[in-house]
Amino acid sequence: GRCRLCCVYCVTYIVSCLTKHSANFYMLLFGRLTGGVATSILFSAFESWLVAAHDKRSFPRDLLSQTLSLATLLNSSAALAAAWLGALVRTSFDSLVAPFDLAIVFLTLALAGMV
């Protein structure tokens, strides 16, 4: 259930990234829709999966709090690294969609890691 939804996130956001190559208004609108759906999944599915896996293995509750605190710190660090890498890729390839193409690579790797 939860793992499958996390996989749906990856696929949905990959579709959103692919639509950035189109100049068609309706294709771009579809990309915004899939991006919104993916964002909604992002902010619920992964944390829910973590909590369920934690409870299933009967880990102490205080470890969950520590894990979520660490995840918040790492998410911030990852966001900064992604912004820097996105700017580098955009400049290197002189393409506004290059960062989205790089995101597809990372999303594919994440999907492979979950399957």
C-alpha atoms as a PDB file:
ATOM      1  CA  GLY A   1       0.000   0.000   0.000  1.00  0.00           C
ATOM      2  CA  ARG A   2       2.285   2.767   1.234  1.00  0.00           C
ATOM      3  CA  CYS A   3       5.315   1.617  -0.746  1.00  0.00           C
ATOM      4  CA  ARG A   4       3.165   1.373  -3.859  1.00  0.00           C
ATOM      5  CA  LEU A   5       1.942   4.945  -3.304  1.00  0.00           C
ATOM      6  CA  CYS A   6       5.556   6.115  -3.008  1.00  0.00           C
ATOM      7  CA  CYS A   7       6.245   4.421  -6.348  1.00  0.00           C
ATOM      8  CA  VAL A   8       3.199   6.217  -7.800  1.00  0.00           C
ATOM      9  CA  TYR A   9       4.770   9.480  -6.596  1.00  0.00           C
ATOM     10  CA  CYS A  10       7.938   8.770  -8.589  1.00  0.00           C
ATOM     11  CA  VAL A  11       6.066   7.834 -11.758  1.00  0.00           C
ATOM     12  CA  THR A  12       3.671  10.782 -11.475  1.00  0.00           C
ATOM     13  CA  TYR A  13       6.473  13.282 -10.990  1.00  0.00           C
ATOM     14  CA  ILE A  14       8.465  11.747 -13.847  1.00  0.00           C
ATOM     15  CA  VAL A  15       5.436  12.346 -16.084  1.00  0.00           C
ATOM     16  CA  SER A  16       5.257  15.918 -14.796  1.00  0.00           C
ATOM     17  CA  CYS A  17       8.946  16.464 -15.614  1.00  0.00           C
ATOM     18  CA  LEU A  18       8.533  15.023 -19.117  1.00  0.00           C
ATOM     19  CA  THR A  19       5.734  17.457 -19.933  1.00  0.00           C
ATOM     20  CA  LYS A  20       8.162  20.386 -19.525  1.00  0.00           C
ATOM     21  CA  HIS A  21       9.535  19.567 -22.983  1.00  0.00           C
ATOM     22  CA  SER A  22       6.232  20.469 -24.626  1.00  0.00           C
ATOM     23  CA  ALA A  23       5.134  23.889 -25.812  1.00  0.00           C
ATOM     24  CA  ASN A  24       1.495  22.775 -25.873  1.00  0.00           C
ATOM     25  CA  PHE A  25      -0.582  24.591 -23.261  1.00  0.00           C
ATOM     26  CA  TYR A  26      -2.727  21.559 -22.426  1.00  0.00           C
ATOM     27  CA  MET A  27       0.302  19.308 -22.045  1.00  0.00           C
ATOM     28  CA  LEU A  28       1.874  21.847 -19.683  1.00  0.00           C
ATOM     29  CA  LEU A  29      -1.412  22.071 -17.786  1.00  0.00           C
ATOM     30  CA  PHE A  30      -1.430  18.280 -17.492  1.00  0.00           C
ATOM     31  CA  GLY A  31       2.117  18.492 -16.156  1.00  0.00           C
ATOM     32  CA  ARG A  32       1.036  20.979 -13.492  1.00  0.00           C
ATOM     33  CA  LEU A  33      -1.804  18.654 -12.525  1.00  0.00           C
ATOM     34  CA  THR A  34       0.469  15.617 -12.223  1.00  0.00           C
ATOM     35  CA  GLY A  35       3.017  17.708 -10.332  1.00  0.00           C
ATOM     36  CA  GLY A  36       0.323  18.762  -7.857  1.00  0.00           C
ATOM     37  CA  VAL A  37      -0.802  15.178  -7.343  1.00  0.00           C
ATOM     38  CA  ALA A  38       2.816  14.096  -6.846  1.00  0.00           C
ATOM     39  CA  THR A  39       3.411  16.868  -4.307  1.00  0.00           C
ATOM     40  CA  SER A  40       0.345  15.806  -2.343  1.00  0.00           C
ATOM     41  CA  ILE A  41       1.652  12.242  -2.254  1.00  0.00           C
ATOM     42  CA  LEU A  42       5.140  13.448  -1.290  1.00  0.00           C
ATOM     43  CA  PHE A  43       3.889  15.206   1.832  1.00  0.00           C
ATOM     44  CA  SER A  44       1.995  12.202   3.153  1.00  0.00           C
ATOM     45  CA  ALA A  45       3.042   8.814   1.778  1.00  0.00           C
ATOM     46  CA  PHE A  46       6.717   8.624   2.707  1.00  0.00           C
ATOM     47  CA  GLU A  47       6.232   9.722   6.316  1.00  0.00           C
ATOM     48  CA  SER A  48       3.240   7.420   6.661  1.00  0.00           C
ATOM     49  CA  TRP A  49       5.321   4.528   5.328  1.00  0.00           C
ATOM     50  CA  LEU A  50       8.068   5.316   7.837  1.00  0.00           C
ATOM     51  CA  VAL A  51       5.659   5.407  10.796  1.00  0.00           C
ATOM     52  CA  ALA A  52       3.954   2.166   9.732  1.00  0.00           C
ATOM     53  CA  ALA A  53       7.281   0.365   9.275  1.00  0.00           C
ATOM     54  CA  HIS A  54       8.491   1.690  12.627  1.00  0.00           C
ATOM     55  CA  ASP A  55       5.362   0.463  14.422  1.00  0.00           C
ATOM     56  CA  LYS A  56       5.405  -2.890  12.607  1.00  0.00           C
ATOM     57  CA  ARG A  57       8.901  -3.579  13.908  1.00  0.00           C
ATOM     58  CA  SER A  58       7.980  -2.404  17.446  1.00  0.00           C
ATOM     59  CA  PHE A  59      10.830   0.086  17.677  1.00  0.00           C
ATOM     60  CA  PRO A  60      10.795   2.464  20.661  1.00  0.00           C
ATOM     61  CA  ARG A  61       8.619   5.531  20.060  1.00  0.00           C
ATOM     62  CA  ASP A  62      11.422   8.001  20.888  1.00  0.00           C
ATOM     63  CA  LEU A  63      13.461   6.639  17.970  1.00  0.00           C
ATOM     64  CA  LEU A  64      10.701   7.732  15.612  1.00  0.00           C
ATOM     65  CA  SER A  65      10.936  11.288  16.897  1.00  0.00           C
ATOM     66  CA  GLN A  66      14.702  11.270  16.405  1.00  0.00           C
ATOM     67  CA  THR A  67      14.352   9.808  12.923  1.00  0.00           C
ATOM     68  CA  LEU A  68      11.825  12.459  11.881  1.00  0.00           C
ATOM     69  CA  SER A  69      14.062  15.226  13.276  1.00  0.00           C
ATOM     70  CA  LEU A  70      17.014  13.873  11.329  1.00  0.00           C
ATOM     71  CA  ALA A  71      14.844  13.573   8.207  1.00  0.00           C
ATOM     72  CA  THR A  72      13.900  17.252   8.498  1.00  0.00           C
ATOM     73  CA  LEU A  73      17.556  18.253   8.712  1.00  0.00           C
ATOM     74  CA  LEU A  74      18.526  16.019   5.783  1.00  0.00           C
ATOM     75  CA  ASN A  75      15.574  17.247   3.689  1.00  0.00           C
ATOM     76  CA  SER A  76      16.784  20.823   4.135  1.00  0.00           C
ATOM     77  CA  SER A  77      20.307  19.839   3.154  1.00  0.00           C
ATOM     78  CA  ALA A  78      19.025  17.905   0.146  1.00  0.00           C
ATOM     79  CA  ALA A  79      16.941  20.903  -0.954  1.00  0.00           C
ATOM     80  CA  LEU A  80      20.004  23.153  -0.875  1.00  0.00           C
ATOM     81  CA  ALA A  81      22.082  20.600  -2.782  1.00  0.00           C
ATOM     82  CA  ALA A  82      19.296  20.133  -5.348  1.00  0.00           C
ATOM     83  CA  ALA A  83      19.044  23.899  -5.909  1.00  0.00           C
ATOM     84  CA  TRP A  84      22.785  24.146  -6.433  1.00  0.00           C
ATOM     85  CA  LEU A  85      22.878  21.108  -8.732  1.00  0.00           C
ATOM     86  CA  GLY A  86      19.839  22.321 -10.676  1.00  0.00           C
ATOM     87  CA  ALA A  87      21.483  25.695 -11.285  1.00  0.00           C
ATOM     88  CA  LEU A  88      24.701  23.985 -12.365  1.00  0.00           C
ATOM     89  CA  VAL A  89      22.872  21.698 -14.807  1.00  0.00           C
ATOM     90  CA  ARG A  90      20.767  24.568 -16.166  1.00  0.00           C
ATOM     91  CA  THR A  91      23.903  26.625 -16.839  1.00  0.00           C
ATOM     92  CA  SER A  92      25.999  23.741 -18.154  1.00  0.00           C
ATOM     93  CA  PHE A  93      23.404  22.609 -20.694  1.00  0.00           C
ATOM     94  CA  ASP A  94      21.945  26.079 -21.326  1.00  0.00           C
ATOM     95  CA  SER A  95      18.494  24.555 -20.985  1.00  0.00           C
ATOM     96  CA  LEU A  96      15.581  25.503 -18.774  1.00  0.00           C
ATOM     97  CA  VAL A  97      14.363  21.880 -18.719  1.00  0.00           C
ATOM     98  CA  ALA A  98      17.727  20.261 -17.904  1.00  0.00           C
ATOM     99  CA  PRO A  99      17.052  20.307 -14.124  1.00  0.00           C
ATOM    100  CA  PHE A 100      13.783  18.440 -14.742  1.00  0.00           C
ATOM    101  CA  ASP A 101      15.652  15.870 -16.818  1.00  0.00           C
ATOM    102  CA  LEU A 102      18.101  15.397 -13.956  1.00  0.00           C
ATOM    103  CA  ALA A 103      15.155  14.989 -11.582  1.00  0.00           C
ATOM    104  CA  ILE A 104      13.932  12.131 -13.788  1.00  0.00           C
ATOM    105  CA  VAL A 105      17.260  10.368 -13.234  1.00  0.00           C
ATOM    106  CA  PHE A 106      17.001  10.691  -9.445  1.00  0.00           C
ATOM    107  CA  LEU A 107      13.329   9.712  -9.415  1.00  0.00           C
ATOM    108  CA  THR A 108      14.132   6.611 -11.483  1.00  0.00           C
ATOM    109  CA  LEU A 109      16.874   5.658  -9.033  1.00  0.00           C
ATOM    110  CA  ALA A 110      14.496   6.148  -6.100  1.00  0.00           C
ATOM    111  CA  LEU A 111      11.847   4.065  -7.835  1.00  0.00           C
ATOM    112  CA  ALA A 112      14.369   1.280  -8.475  1.00  0.00           C
ATOM    113  CA  GLY A 113      15.354   1.375  -4.813  1.00  0.00           C
ATOM    114  CA  MET A 114      11.748   0.924  -3.698  1.00  0.00           C
ATOM    115  CA  VAL A 115      10.847  -1.904  -6.048  1.00  0.00           C
END
